[in-house]
Structure formats: structure tokens, C-alpha cells
Amino acid sequence: MLIASMKNVVFGYGDSPSLENVDIEIHSGEFVAVSGPNGASKTTLLKLALGLLQPWSGTVDRASRRGDGKKLVVGYVPQQIAAFNSGFPSQVLEFVRSGTYTSGSWFRSVSRQDRELAEQALKQVGLWELRNRKIGELSGGQKQRICLARALAQQPDLLVLDEPTNGMDAASRERLYSLLGEMVKERQLTVVMVTHGLSEASPYLDRIIELEKKETGGWKCCTTTSCNGHFSPVV
């Protein structure tokens, strides 16, 4: 199933385009990495795909329903770790549990399923033992992992991650890639992840989308590489 696509997309800030010739497709059950040098508009690419930015030209489409007709749930983890300062009042478990509220009212009572989903998500990222800590007391890598746990508690069909391993040590990065790889295989989760750690992530990836610099300046998308043969590259 086609989850998202971008056709002949051009976008920029000010008067100059920062992305041109964007032509990609994301299919259900893929684990896709987005790569490129610093300043290559990788975050911009994610925001365009999510509808947070509107292209200057071209088309961006994203499925609103799953194959079974149910609403397609999107989880997004941006680069906002610094926003959680030492005075942030929420406890870890409260923050992660708030991810379940996307399926209902913020004012409803916490259900047993909410509690179970939050517990499962925190255990998946290895932070259940810190559930009663204040978020502001955590390290940068731990904050990154609880943001991921909150997204997982939503039970997303599409998970979009912007450099999710920032601040993580090698063991935590390996655990994350392995977890995401398992979820892609077992429940057809679709993952799109910006990362510089291709050498570590590559055993779990299906495709790599790489932003390339144009001869005339700016960035174009995209070179796609099939990592394991399960999916054909989009050219």
C-alpha cells in the first residue's frame, strides 16, 4: 500500500529553493532512512511529507486510511529535546501516556489499555525504571527515548523520526534500530527516519533516500538504494 508520495516537489525559504525535483514514494511496511550532509534539508523533507509545510510546486499525498479502512495513525518525533528543561513538570509515565490521548478526548479517564500501552512503550525503549522521574531530570539521550516511547504508545501505522538517536550511546542506538526493525516486520509499521548513522542502521533498513547537491546549488531528491531486496527503488 502506498503510504506517502511526493511528485516533482519544489520548496524553499525566502527566494531560493532548498529542495528541487523531489520524487519519492513510501510504502506500507518499509523501514526507510533519509540521509545527506548537514544542511541538506532532510527535516524540511519530513515536514513536507507530513503536511507541516506546503510545497511551492508539485504534489504531496499521504494516505488517510489504512488498507482495512481504519484511520491511519501517524507518530512524529522531531528534534525538540532541548525544549525539556530542568523545570519541565511532567513525569515520564504521564508524558508517555499522553500519547494514547490521540485516540480520544484529553478529558477522558485513563483506561487500562492506556496504562498498558504506556508501560509497554517505556519497556520497549528501556526506560520503565525511570517512569516516576521528572522529564527535566533526564539526560538528552533519555529524553529522546521517552519522546519515541510516547510516539509508540500511539500505536502508529507510520512513524516519522528526525535523528532519533541524538544523545544515545551505542547500545541504545542498536536497541532502537533492532526494535524498529522488529516492529516493521511483525506489524507492518512504516518507519521513515532521518539519520547520519547508516552503517549502524543499514542491517535493518529496506531503503535509503539520499539528498544530493545539484551542480547549480541547492538540493535535489533523491537517490534511492535498496538495502535488502524487499522493495524496488523508486527512481
Protein backbone atom coordinates (compact mmCIF):
# COMPACT_ATOMS: atom_id res chain seq x y z
CA MET A 1 0.00 0.00 0.00
CA LEU A 2 1.25 3.49 -0.88
CA ILE A 3 1.52 5.49 2.35
CA ALA A 4 3.00 8.75 1.07
CA SER A 5 4.31 10.21 -2.16
CA MET A 6 5.93 13.40 -3.42
CA LYS A 7 5.90 14.24 -7.12
CA ASN A 8 8.07 16.95 -8.69
CA VAL A 9 8.11 18.89 -5.42
CA VAL A 10 9.96 22.20 -5.11
CA PHE A 11 10.25 24.08 -1.81
CA GLY A 12 12.45 26.76 -0.32
CA TYR A 13 12.81 29.52 2.22
CA GLY A 14 12.91 33.10 1.03
CA ASP A 15 13.51 33.40 -2.70
CA SER A 16 15.74 30.35 -3.24
CA PRO A 17 14.58 26.72 -3.44
CA SER A 18 16.19 24.40 -0.91
CA LEU A 19 14.66 21.24 -2.39
CA GLU A 20 14.00 20.51 -6.05
CA ASN A 21 12.96 17.51 -8.12
CA VAL A 22 11.60 15.62 -5.13
CA ASP A 23 10.04 12.43 -6.43
CA ILE A 24 9.65 9.64 -3.85
CA GLU A 25 7.19 7.00 -2.64
CA ILE A 26 6.86 5.35 0.76
CA HIS A 27 5.06 2.02 1.01
CA SER A 28 3.48 0.23 3.94
CA GLY A 29 5.89 -1.94 5.90
CA GLU A 30 9.08 -0.17 4.79
CA PHE A 31 11.94 0.95 7.03
CA VAL A 32 13.38 3.91 5.14
CA ALA A 33 16.32 6.12 6.09
CA VAL A 34 16.74 9.68 4.82
CA SER A 35 20.37 10.70 4.60
CA GLY A 36 22.50 13.58 3.40
CA PRO A 37 25.05 16.14 4.65
CA ASN A 38 24.23 18.78 7.25
CA GLY A 39 22.05 21.46 5.71
CA ALA A 40 20.64 19.11 3.07
CA SER A 41 17.01 19.91 4.03
CA LYS A 42 16.30 16.47 5.49
CA THR A 43 14.00 17.89 8.18
CA THR A 44 12.28 20.00 5.53
CA LEU A 45 11.64 16.86 3.51
CA LEU A 46 9.93 15.20 6.50
CA LYS A 47 7.78 18.27 7.18
CA LEU A 48 6.67 18.39 3.56
CA ALA A 49 5.72 14.72 3.66
CA LEU A 50 3.74 15.27 6.88
CA GLY A 51 1.91 18.32 5.53
CA LEU A 52 3.56 20.68 8.01
CA LEU A 53 4.96 22.65 5.07
CA GLN A 54 3.33 23.27 1.71
CA PRO A 55 5.39 22.89 -1.48
CA TRP A 56 5.95 25.73 -3.89
CA SER A 57 5.03 23.36 -6.68
CA GLY A 58 4.43 19.67 -7.20
CA THR A 59 2.15 17.37 -5.21
CA VAL A 60 2.38 15.72 -1.80
CA ASP A 61 -0.06 12.94 -0.93
CA ARG A 62 -0.42 10.85 2.21
CA ALA A 63 -2.96 8.11 2.83
CA SER A 64 -5.62 8.96 5.42
CA ARG A 65 -6.82 5.36 5.79
CA ARG A 66 -5.16 2.00 6.20
CA GLY A 67 -5.85 -0.92 3.92
CA ASP A 68 -8.61 -2.11 6.27
CA GLY A 69 -10.37 1.27 6.15
CA LYS A 70 -9.37 2.41 9.65
CA LYS A 71 -7.79 5.83 10.17
CA LEU A 72 -4.04 5.84 9.52
CA VAL A 73 -2.22 6.93 12.68
CA VAL A 74 0.99 8.96 12.30
CA GLY A 75 3.63 9.29 15.01
CA TYR A 76 6.23 12.05 14.66
CA VAL A 77 9.33 12.64 16.78
CA PRO A 78 11.01 15.94 15.83
CA GLN A 79 14.30 17.35 17.08
CA GLN A 80 12.99 19.19 20.14
CA ILE A 81 14.86 17.59 23.01
CA ALA A 82 16.24 20.90 24.30
CA ALA A 83 12.68 22.07 24.99
CA PHE A 84 12.54 19.85 28.07
CA ASN A 85 14.45 21.92 30.61
CA SER A 86 15.03 21.12 34.27
CA GLY A 87 11.76 22.79 35.24
CA PHE A 88 9.53 20.69 32.98
CA PRO A 89 6.84 19.48 35.43
CA SER A 90 5.61 16.23 33.87
CA GLN A 91 6.70 12.79 35.00
CA VAL A 92 7.95 10.34 32.40
CA LEU A 93 4.96 7.99 32.66
CA GLU A 94 2.46 10.86 32.40
CA PHE A 95 4.17 12.20 29.30
CA VAL A 96 4.30 8.83 27.54
CA ARG A 97 0.71 8.03 28.50
CA SER A 98 -0.42 11.30 26.89
CA GLY A 99 0.45 9.70 23.54
CA THR A 100 -2.61 7.48 23.91
CA TYR A 101 -4.91 10.53 24.05
CA THR A 102 -4.68 10.91 20.28
CA SER A 103 -7.31 8.17 20.04
CA GLY A 104 -9.83 10.04 22.19
CA SER A 105 -10.55 13.05 24.34
CA TRP A 106 -7.88 14.61 26.57
CA PHE A 107 -10.55 14.79 29.26
CA ARG A 108 -11.46 11.13 29.37
CA SER A 109 -10.30 8.96 32.24
CA VAL A 110 -7.15 6.89 31.88
CA SER A 111 -8.09 3.39 30.78
CA ARG A 112 -6.39 0.09 31.47
CA GLN A 113 -5.33 -0.01 27.82
CA ASP A 114 -3.73 3.45 28.16
CA ARG A 115 -1.68 2.24 31.12
CA GLU A 116 -0.67 -0.95 29.35
CA LEU A 117 0.38 0.85 26.16
CA ALA A 118 2.47 3.37 28.09
CA GLU A 119 4.13 0.63 30.13
CA GLN A 120 4.88 -1.42 27.01
CA ALA A 121 6.34 1.59 25.19
CA LEU A 122 8.62 2.54 28.09
CA LYS A 123 9.84 -1.03 28.39
CA GLN A 124 10.49 -1.16 24.65
CA VAL A 125 12.86 1.82 24.91
CA GLY A 126 14.42 0.53 28.13
CA LEU A 127 13.21 3.29 30.48
CA TRP A 128 10.45 1.70 32.57
CA GLU A 129 12.56 2.04 35.71
CA LEU A 130 12.56 5.85 35.23
CA ARG A 131 8.78 6.13 34.89
CA ASN A 132 8.38 8.30 38.02
CA ARG A 133 11.23 10.70 37.25
CA LYS A 134 10.64 14.26 36.08
CA ILE A 135 11.43 14.70 32.39
CA GLY A 136 13.70 17.65 33.11
CA GLU A 137 15.95 15.40 35.20
CA LEU A 138 16.77 13.08 32.30
CA SER A 139 19.80 13.12 30.03
CA GLY A 140 19.47 14.15 26.38
CA GLY A 141 19.51 10.55 25.18
CA GLN A 142 16.87 9.53 27.73
CA LYS A 143 14.63 12.44 26.68
CA GLN A 144 14.96 11.29 23.09
CA ARG A 145 13.88 7.79 24.06
CA ILE A 146 10.80 8.93 26.02
CA CYS A 147 9.70 11.00 23.02
CA LEU A 148 9.96 7.82 20.97
CA ALA A 149 8.04 5.91 23.66
CA ARG A 150 5.24 8.48 23.52
CA ALA A 151 5.03 8.04 19.75
CA LEU A 152 4.97 4.24 20.11
CA ALA A 153 2.15 4.49 22.67
CA GLN A 154 0.01 5.97 19.89
CA GLN A 155 0.29 2.63 18.07
CA PRO A 156 1.18 4.42 14.82
CA ASP A 157 0.95 2.97 11.35
CA LEU A 158 3.53 5.49 10.10
CA LEU A 159 6.39 6.57 12.39
CA VAL A 160 8.47 9.57 11.29
CA LEU A 161 11.70 10.16 13.22
CA ASP A 162 14.09 13.09 12.84
CA GLU A 163 17.53 11.92 14.02
CA PRO A 164 16.08 9.88 16.91
CA THR A 165 19.46 8.63 18.14
CA ASN A 166 20.86 12.07 19.05
CA GLY A 167 22.37 11.81 22.53
CA MET A 168 22.15 8.00 22.66
CA ASP A 169 25.08 5.72 23.35
CA ALA A 170 25.97 2.85 21.02
CA ALA A 171 24.00 0.24 22.97
CA SER A 172 20.85 2.40 22.97
CA ARG A 173 21.17 3.07 19.24
CA GLU A 174 21.47 -0.64 18.49
CA ARG A 175 18.46 -1.41 20.68
CA LEU A 176 16.42 1.25 18.89
CA TYR A 177 17.27 0.06 15.38
CA SER A 178 16.55 -3.54 16.37
CA LEU A 179 13.21 -2.58 17.95
CA LEU A 180 12.10 -0.62 14.91
CA GLY A 181 13.20 -3.42 12.59
CA GLU A 182 11.16 -5.95 14.56
CA MET A 183 8.06 -3.73 14.52
CA VAL A 184 8.34 -3.23 10.77
CA LYS A 185 8.45 -6.97 10.22
CA GLU A 186 5.92 -8.07 12.83
CA ARG A 187 3.17 -5.46 12.49
CA GLN A 188 3.92 -3.78 9.14
CA LEU A 189 4.86 -0.49 10.82
CA THR A 190 6.20 2.01 8.29
CA VAL A 191 9.25 3.94 9.53
CA VAL A 192 10.86 6.98 7.89
CA MET A 193 13.95 8.08 9.78
CA VAL A 194 16.50 10.84 9.25
CA THR A 195 19.88 9.55 10.38
CA HIS A 196 23.60 10.01 9.94
CA GLY A 197 24.25 6.52 11.33
CA LEU A 198 23.71 4.49 8.18
CA SER A 199 26.45 1.99 8.99
CA GLU A 200 24.69 1.03 12.24
CA ALA A 201 21.14 1.14 10.89
CA SER A 202 21.71 -0.49 7.49
CA PRO A 203 21.12 -4.13 8.61
CA TYR A 204 17.53 -3.17 9.46
CA LEU A 205 16.72 -0.85 6.54
CA ASP A 206 14.78 -1.55 3.38
CA ARG A 207 15.77 1.62 1.54
CA ILE A 208 17.92 4.71 1.83
CA ILE A 209 16.80 8.02 0.34
CA GLU A 210 19.79 10.32 -0.08
CA LEU A 211 19.67 14.03 -0.78
CA GLU A 212 22.24 15.12 -3.36
CA LYS A 213 23.61 18.56 -4.10
CA LYS A 214 22.80 19.95 -7.52
CA GLU A 215 25.54 21.31 -9.73
CA THR A 216 23.77 24.68 -9.72
CA GLY A 217 23.39 24.70 -5.92
CA GLY A 218 20.57 23.60 -3.65
CA TRP A 219 19.50 20.03 -3.06
CA LYS A 220 17.63 17.52 -5.12
CA CYS A 221 15.89 14.35 -4.17
CA CYS A 222 16.65 11.67 -4.46
CA THR A 223 18.99 8.74 -4.93
CA THR A 224 17.31 5.61 -3.57
CA THR A 225 19.12 2.43 -2.68
CA SER A 226 17.51 -0.91 -1.89
CA CYS A 227 19.16 -2.40 1.20
CA ASN A 228 17.73 -5.92 1.34
CA GLY A 229 15.89 -6.52 -1.92
CA HIS A 230 12.38 -6.49 -0.43
CA PHE A 231 11.43 -3.29 -2.18
CA SER A 232 12.27 -1.84 -5.57
CA PRO A 233 13.96 1.56 -5.56
CA VAL A 234 11.88 4.49 -6.72
CA VAL A 235 13.72 6.31 -9.48
